[in-house]
Protein backbone atom coordinates (compact mmCIF):
# COMPACT_ATOMS: atom_id res chain seq x y z
CA MET A 1 -0.16 -0.06 -0.04
CA THR A 2 1.31 3.54 -0.98
CA ARG A 3 2.29 5.46 2.22
CA SER A 4 1.38 8.99 2.67
CA ALA A 5 3.16 11.90 4.24
CA LEU A 6 2.20 15.50 5.21
CA ILE A 7 4.90 18.11 5.63
CA THR A 8 4.53 21.41 7.04
CA GLY A 9 7.00 23.96 5.77
CA ILE A 10 7.09 22.27 2.56
CA THR A 11 8.05 25.29 0.46
CA GLY A 12 11.32 25.66 2.56
CA GLN A 13 14.57 24.31 2.21
CA ASP A 14 14.21 21.20 4.30
CA GLY A 15 10.71 20.62 3.10
CA SER A 16 11.36 20.58 -0.55
CA TYR A 17 14.26 18.05 -0.06
CA LEU A 18 12.10 15.91 2.04
CA ALA A 19 9.23 16.06 -0.59
CA GLU A 20 11.58 14.86 -3.26
CA LEU A 21 13.13 12.27 -1.14
CA LEU A 22 9.63 10.93 -0.26
CA LEU A 23 8.36 11.02 -3.74
CA ASN A 24 11.33 8.95 -4.94
CA LYS A 25 10.55 6.37 -2.35
CA GLY A 26 6.83 6.06 -3.72
CA TYR A 27 4.99 8.27 -1.23
CA GLN A 28 2.22 10.32 -1.91
CA VAL A 29 3.24 13.89 -0.52
CA HIS A 30 0.95 16.40 0.85
CA GLY A 31 2.25 20.05 2.12
CA VAL A 32 0.79 22.65 4.32
CA VAL A 33 1.48 26.15 2.92
CA ARG A 34 0.17 29.42 4.22
CA ARG A 35 -1.70 31.83 1.98
CA SER A 36 1.31 34.27 1.92
CA SER A 37 3.62 31.54 0.72
CA ARG A 38 1.76 30.43 -2.39
CA ASP A 39 3.78 32.80 -4.53
CA ARG A 40 6.97 31.43 -3.43
CA MET A 41 7.03 28.14 -4.69
CA GLU A 42 10.59 28.15 -6.53
CA ARG A 43 12.01 25.32 -4.60
CA LEU A 44 8.91 23.06 -5.48
CA GLU A 45 8.94 23.75 -9.06
CA ASN A 46 10.56 20.31 -10.23
CA ILE A 47 7.83 18.68 -8.25
CA ILE A 48 4.82 20.89 -8.08
CA THR A 49 2.63 18.54 -10.33
CA ARG A 50 3.48 15.64 -8.24
CA VAL A 51 2.47 17.12 -4.53
CA THR A 52 -0.94 18.18 -3.13
CA LEU A 53 -0.79 21.43 -1.43
CA HIS A 54 -3.33 22.51 1.57
CA GLU A 55 -3.72 26.04 2.90
CA GLY A 56 -3.41 25.96 6.70
CA ASP A 57 -1.21 27.42 9.26
CA LEU A 58 0.43 26.24 12.70
CA THR A 59 -1.48 28.94 14.62
CA ASP A 60 -4.86 27.61 13.50
CA SER A 61 -5.99 24.34 14.82
CA GLY A 62 -9.00 24.19 12.62
CA SER A 63 -7.06 24.48 9.59
CA LEU A 64 -4.78 21.47 10.72
CA LEU A 65 -7.55 19.24 11.35
CA HIS A 66 -8.97 20.02 8.07
CA ILE A 67 -5.75 19.33 6.30
CA LEU A 68 -5.25 15.94 8.23
CA GLN A 69 -8.93 14.77 7.39
CA LYS A 70 -8.20 15.59 3.66
CA SER A 71 -4.66 13.82 3.49
CA ASN A 72 -5.06 11.12 6.02
CA PRO A 73 -1.19 10.93 6.24
CA ASP A 74 0.69 7.95 7.38
CA GLU A 75 3.64 10.51 8.59
CA VAL A 76 3.76 13.96 9.43
CA TYR A 77 6.96 16.04 9.27
CA ASN A 78 6.68 19.47 11.29
CA LEU A 79 9.18 21.53 9.57
CA ALA A 80 7.57 24.84 9.71
CA ALA A 81 8.68 27.60 12.01
CA GLN A 82 9.97 31.14 12.31
CA SER A 83 13.24 29.73 11.87
CA PHE A 84 15.75 32.94 11.79
CA VAL A 85 17.16 33.32 14.94
CA PRO A 86 17.97 37.15 14.78
CA THR A 87 14.06 37.65 14.03
CA SER A 88 13.16 35.91 17.15
CA TRP A 89 14.48 38.87 19.10
CA THR A 90 12.40 41.56 17.05
CA GLN A 91 9.40 38.97 16.97
CA PRO A 92 9.47 36.79 20.23
CA LEU A 93 5.60 36.38 20.34
CA LEU A 94 5.28 35.15 16.86
CA THR A 95 8.18 32.92 17.21
CA GLY A 96 6.78 31.28 20.30
CA ASP A 97 3.49 30.85 18.91
CA VAL A 98 4.42 29.18 15.66
CA THR A 99 7.82 27.49 16.66
CA GLY A 100 6.73 26.46 20.06
CA LEU A 101 2.88 26.31 20.37
CA GLY A 102 2.45 25.51 16.58
CA VAL A 103 3.88 22.07 17.71
CA THR A 104 1.32 21.52 20.37
CA ARG A 105 -1.55 22.32 18.14
CA MET A 106 -0.22 19.73 15.57
CA LEU A 107 0.34 17.19 18.26
CA GLU A 108 -3.25 17.61 20.01
CA THR A 109 -4.91 17.74 16.59
CA LEU A 110 -3.20 14.53 15.52
CA ARG A 111 -4.03 12.78 18.70
CA GLN A 112 -7.57 13.60 18.54
CA TYR A 113 -7.84 12.70 14.76
CA ASN A 114 -5.69 9.56 14.42
CA SER A 115 -3.13 8.74 17.17
CA ASP A 116 -1.51 6.15 14.92
CA ILE A 117 -0.04 8.97 12.78
CA ARG A 118 3.75 9.09 13.07
CA PHE A 119 5.15 12.47 13.96
CA PHE A 120 8.42 13.99 13.52
CA GLN A 121 9.60 17.35 15.04
CA ALA A 122 12.24 19.38 13.55
CA SER A 123 14.20 20.51 16.60
CA SER A 124 17.40 22.52 16.54
CA SER A 125 20.86 22.73 18.00
CA GLU A 126 19.92 26.25 19.18
CA ILE A 127 18.37 24.51 22.04
CA PHE A 128 21.75 23.85 23.61
CA GLY A 129 22.77 27.56 23.80
CA GLN A 130 26.08 28.01 25.54
CA ALA A 131 26.83 24.54 26.12
CA THR A 132 29.74 23.52 28.37
CA GLU A 133 30.47 20.34 26.52
CA LYS A 134 32.84 20.35 23.46
CA THR A 135 30.16 18.26 21.56
CA GLN A 136 26.33 18.15 21.97
CA SER A 137 24.73 14.88 22.39
CA GLU A 138 21.07 13.69 23.42
CA GLN A 139 22.19 13.92 26.98
CA THR A 140 23.49 17.51 26.88
CA ALA A 141 21.67 20.09 29.20
CA ILE A 142 19.26 22.16 27.25
CA ARG A 143 19.69 26.04 28.05
CA PRO A 144 18.90 28.19 24.96
CA ARG A 145 19.88 31.73 24.45
CA SER A 146 17.58 33.09 22.01
CA PRO A 147 13.60 33.23 21.90
CA TYR A 148 13.88 30.94 18.92
CA GLY A 149 15.89 28.22 20.81
CA VAL A 150 13.39 28.63 23.74
CA ALA A 151 10.65 28.07 21.39
CA LYS A 152 12.49 25.13 19.81
CA ALA A 153 13.20 23.48 23.35
CA TYR A 154 9.44 23.85 24.02
CA GLY A 155 8.68 21.95 20.78
CA HIS A 156 11.48 19.38 21.76
CA PHE A 157 9.89 18.79 25.31
CA ILE A 158 5.96 18.71 23.94
CA THR A 159 7.14 15.98 21.59
CA ILE A 160 8.64 13.84 24.27
CA ASN A 161 5.84 14.81 26.69
CA TYR A 162 3.03 13.61 24.02
CA ARG A 163 4.98 10.56 23.41
CA GLU A 164 5.17 9.45 27.06
CA SER A 165 1.53 10.70 27.88
CA TYR A 166 -0.48 9.39 24.87
CA ASP A 167 1.87 6.61 23.49
CA LEU A 168 2.29 8.31 20.22
CA PHE A 169 5.10 7.63 17.64
CA ALA A 170 6.56 10.98 18.02
CA VAL A 171 10.25 11.98 17.71
CA SER A 172 12.37 14.74 17.83
CA GLY A 173 15.20 15.33 15.54
CA ILE A 174 17.98 17.75 17.04
CA LEU A 175 19.48 19.28 13.78
CA PHE A 176 22.42 20.81 13.69
CA ASN A 177 23.01 23.68 11.04
CA HIS A 178 22.29 22.32 7.47
CA GLU A 179 22.73 24.29 4.34
CA SER A 180 21.95 24.07 0.63
CA PRO A 181 21.51 26.30 -2.68
CA ARG A 182 17.84 26.56 -1.40
CA ARG A 183 19.00 28.14 1.81
CA GLY A 184 17.08 31.47 2.42
CA ARG A 185 19.06 34.69 1.63
CA GLU A 186 19.06 35.83 5.18
CA PHE A 187 20.80 33.01 6.64
CA VAL A 188 24.61 33.70 7.05
CA SER A 189 25.67 30.55 4.79
CA ARG A 190 23.72 31.66 1.86
CA LYS A 191 24.28 35.43 2.49
CA ILE A 192 28.25 34.76 2.20
CA CYS A 193 27.78 32.69 -0.77
CA ARG A 194 25.52 34.87 -2.68
CA ALA A 195 27.87 37.76 -1.79
CA VAL A 196 30.75 35.61 -3.32
CA ALA A 197 28.72 35.41 -6.63
CA LEU A 198 28.06 39.02 -6.69
CA ILE A 199 31.68 40.20 -6.02
CA LYS A 200 32.99 37.70 -8.58
CA LEU A 201 30.54 39.05 -11.13
CA GLY A 202 31.49 42.67 -10.29
CA GLN A 203 27.98 43.69 -8.89
CA GLN A 204 29.21 44.21 -5.35
CA ASP A 205 32.44 44.67 -3.44
CA LYS A 206 31.74 44.06 0.28
CA VAL A 207 29.72 42.19 2.40
CA PHE A 208 28.82 42.91 6.07
CA LEU A 209 28.74 40.00 8.76
CA GLY A 210 28.73 39.96 12.42
CA ASN A 211 30.60 37.37 14.70
CA LEU A 212 33.29 35.74 12.49
CA GLU A 213 34.34 33.61 15.25
CA ALA A 214 31.27 31.83 16.05
CA GLU A 215 31.59 28.01 15.53
CA ARG A 216 29.05 26.00 14.05
CA ASP A 217 28.61 22.21 12.66
CA TRP A 218 27.46 22.46 9.05
CA GLY A 219 25.90 19.87 6.87
CA HIS A 220 23.79 19.55 3.77
CA ALA A 221 19.93 19.60 3.95
CA ARG A 222 19.63 16.54 1.65
CA ASP A 223 21.59 14.41 4.32
CA TYR A 224 19.34 15.57 6.89
CA VAL A 225 16.07 15.06 5.51
CA HIS A 226 17.22 11.38 4.98
CA ALA A 227 17.69 11.35 8.86
CA MET A 228 14.23 12.65 9.30
CA TRP A 229 12.62 9.80 7.19
CA MET A 230 14.98 7.15 9.05
CA MET A 231 13.62 8.42 12.38
CA LEU A 232 10.05 7.89 11.55
CA ASN A 233 10.74 4.55 10.05
CA GLN A 234 12.58 2.88 13.13
CA GLN A 235 11.00 0.48 15.10
CA GLN A 236 10.47 2.27 18.26
CA PRO A 237 10.25 6.23 18.62
CA LYS A 238 13.49 7.78 19.96
CA ASP A 239 15.10 11.21 19.65
CA TYR A 240 18.44 11.74 18.17
CA VAL A 241 21.10 14.49 17.26
CA VAL A 242 21.75 14.98 13.65
CA ALA A 243 24.96 16.57 13.01
CA THR A 244 28.50 16.05 11.01
CA GLY A 245 30.73 16.38 14.28
CA LYS A 246 32.91 18.96 12.56
CA LYS A 247 32.93 22.69 13.57
CA TYR A 248 34.28 25.58 11.54
CA THR A 249 33.94 29.39 12.19
CA VAL A 250 32.12 31.81 10.15
CA ARG A 251 35.53 32.99 9.15
CA ASP A 252 36.34 29.48 7.84
CA PHE A 253 33.15 29.28 5.89
CA ALA A 254 33.93 32.63 4.27
CA GLU A 255 37.50 31.69 3.33
CA ILE A 256 36.19 28.51 1.60
CA ALA A 257 33.50 30.39 -0.42
CA PHE A 258 35.78 33.08 -1.52
CA GLY A 259 38.45 30.42 -2.45
CA CYS A 260 35.83 28.89 -4.75
CA VAL A 261 36.41 31.88 -6.91
CA ASP A 262 40.05 32.65 -6.30
CA LEU A 263 39.05 35.71 -4.17
CA ASP A 264 40.95 36.97 -0.92
CA TRP A 265 37.96 37.00 1.57
CA GLN A 266 39.76 39.58 3.63
CA ARG A 267 39.42 42.24 0.92
CA HIS A 268 35.86 41.87 0.87
CA ILE A 269 34.38 41.15 4.46
CA GLU A 270 33.65 43.78 7.14
CA VAL A 271 32.40 43.31 10.26
CA ASP A 272 29.29 44.96 11.39
CA PRO A 273 28.51 44.96 15.30
CA ALA A 274 25.03 45.57 14.81
CA LEU A 275 24.94 42.06 13.26
CA TYR A 276 25.99 40.57 16.42
CA ARG A 277 23.17 38.58 18.46
CA PRO A 278 22.06 40.08 21.75
CA ALA A 279 22.96 36.75 23.37
CA GLU A 280 25.72 35.00 21.44
CA VAL A 281 26.34 31.24 21.00
CA ASP A 282 29.79 30.79 20.68
CA ALA A 283 30.24 27.22 19.47
CA LEU A 284 27.72 24.27 18.35
CA CYS A 285 28.97 20.97 17.49
CA GLY A 286 27.21 17.85 17.27
CA ASP A 287 27.56 14.22 18.50
CA ALA A 288 25.74 12.05 16.08
CA SER A 289 27.24 8.75 17.09
CA LEU A 290 23.90 7.24 18.46
CA ILE A 291 22.00 7.77 15.32
CA HIS A 292 25.12 6.30 13.29
CA LYS A 293 25.26 3.33 15.67
CA GLU A 294 21.56 2.74 15.84
CA LEU A 295 20.16 3.66 12.62
CA GLY A 296 23.45 3.61 10.26
CA TRP A 297 22.88 7.41 9.27
CA GLU A 298 26.02 9.57 8.44
CA PRO A 299 26.63 12.67 6.42
CA THR A 300 27.76 12.10 2.87
CA ILE A 301 28.59 15.58 1.75
CA SER A 302 31.60 17.60 2.97
CA LEU A 303 31.45 21.25 4.04
CA GLU A 304 33.83 22.06 0.88
CA ALA A 305 31.39 20.25 -1.56
CA LEU A 306 28.51 21.90 0.06
CA ILE A 307 29.99 25.65 -0.10
CA LYS A 308 31.13 24.91 -3.65
CA GLU A 309 27.65 24.05 -4.90
CA MET A 310 25.81 26.93 -3.26
CA VAL A 311 28.51 29.41 -4.72
CA GLN A 312 28.14 27.64 -8.09
CA SER A 313 24.42 27.81 -7.77
CA ASP A 314 24.26 31.72 -6.86
CA LEU A 315 26.64 32.30 -9.78
CA LYS A 316 24.37 30.71 -12.23
CA ILE A 317 21.26 32.27 -10.87
CA LEU A 318 22.87 35.87 -10.97
CA ALA A 319 24.61 35.50 -14.18
CA SER A 320 21.12 34.46 -15.96
């Protein structure tokens, strides 16, 4: 029997890659889109005729119930969120409502409609905040340092609570940074790669960045959505960290990106203190040994290959 999946946030980076993965596995794929997202379908352009889209919103339980009734999925992947960390300080209530309480609305609607549906929650390494351990695992203390991290921590814990309270197959994937050519322009990874392309094409000279010494664990979104699917298809529900286990500074990322087009990054980057976070997270690096041991997942794309793909994509887009 053909399996069916519902993806919230299907128009985003992760949602589009996950939709492609599930279609290739023979799933019927449904997606939730907000009315304001109807005109932002570029990430789905290659599969738009193969997916079924439903208008809805994580702030509206009624629309979620209607969508579950229409799609009747075997699996729900909750990827929708206000996901840009700096915005969470300027819009903390919206971030909490969508990224935090939105998880509860989906879980409660799912529980009442059909508690056999499997549920994946996209959590974030931002829940760890200023961690004291060199690498963060499933056992690391959760102490977020942004409204986004706080909302994601709530979503993580409410997923566990519903699993333990109602025996739902509900899991939380603690995802470290994952990028791709489909990353939004506001994120530092895409901001750097797009700036590299603009500078190479003579359309820009400088790019302004915040904390160059912040260290992150960057992987490719294509690898990470495969981990999501593996987590919903294990025998027993369990949460996992998904990461590469390697960390690089923003400075390292920029140096690699500018090196892709033989440019000296130091001539084109300027630090703008206004771009620093109100509460910085200095370093995040994940320990994904558990998901590797138990599910066999591991990253397949190096940071260098990821950045090269992103730079080449932006060069192609901007030159066309």
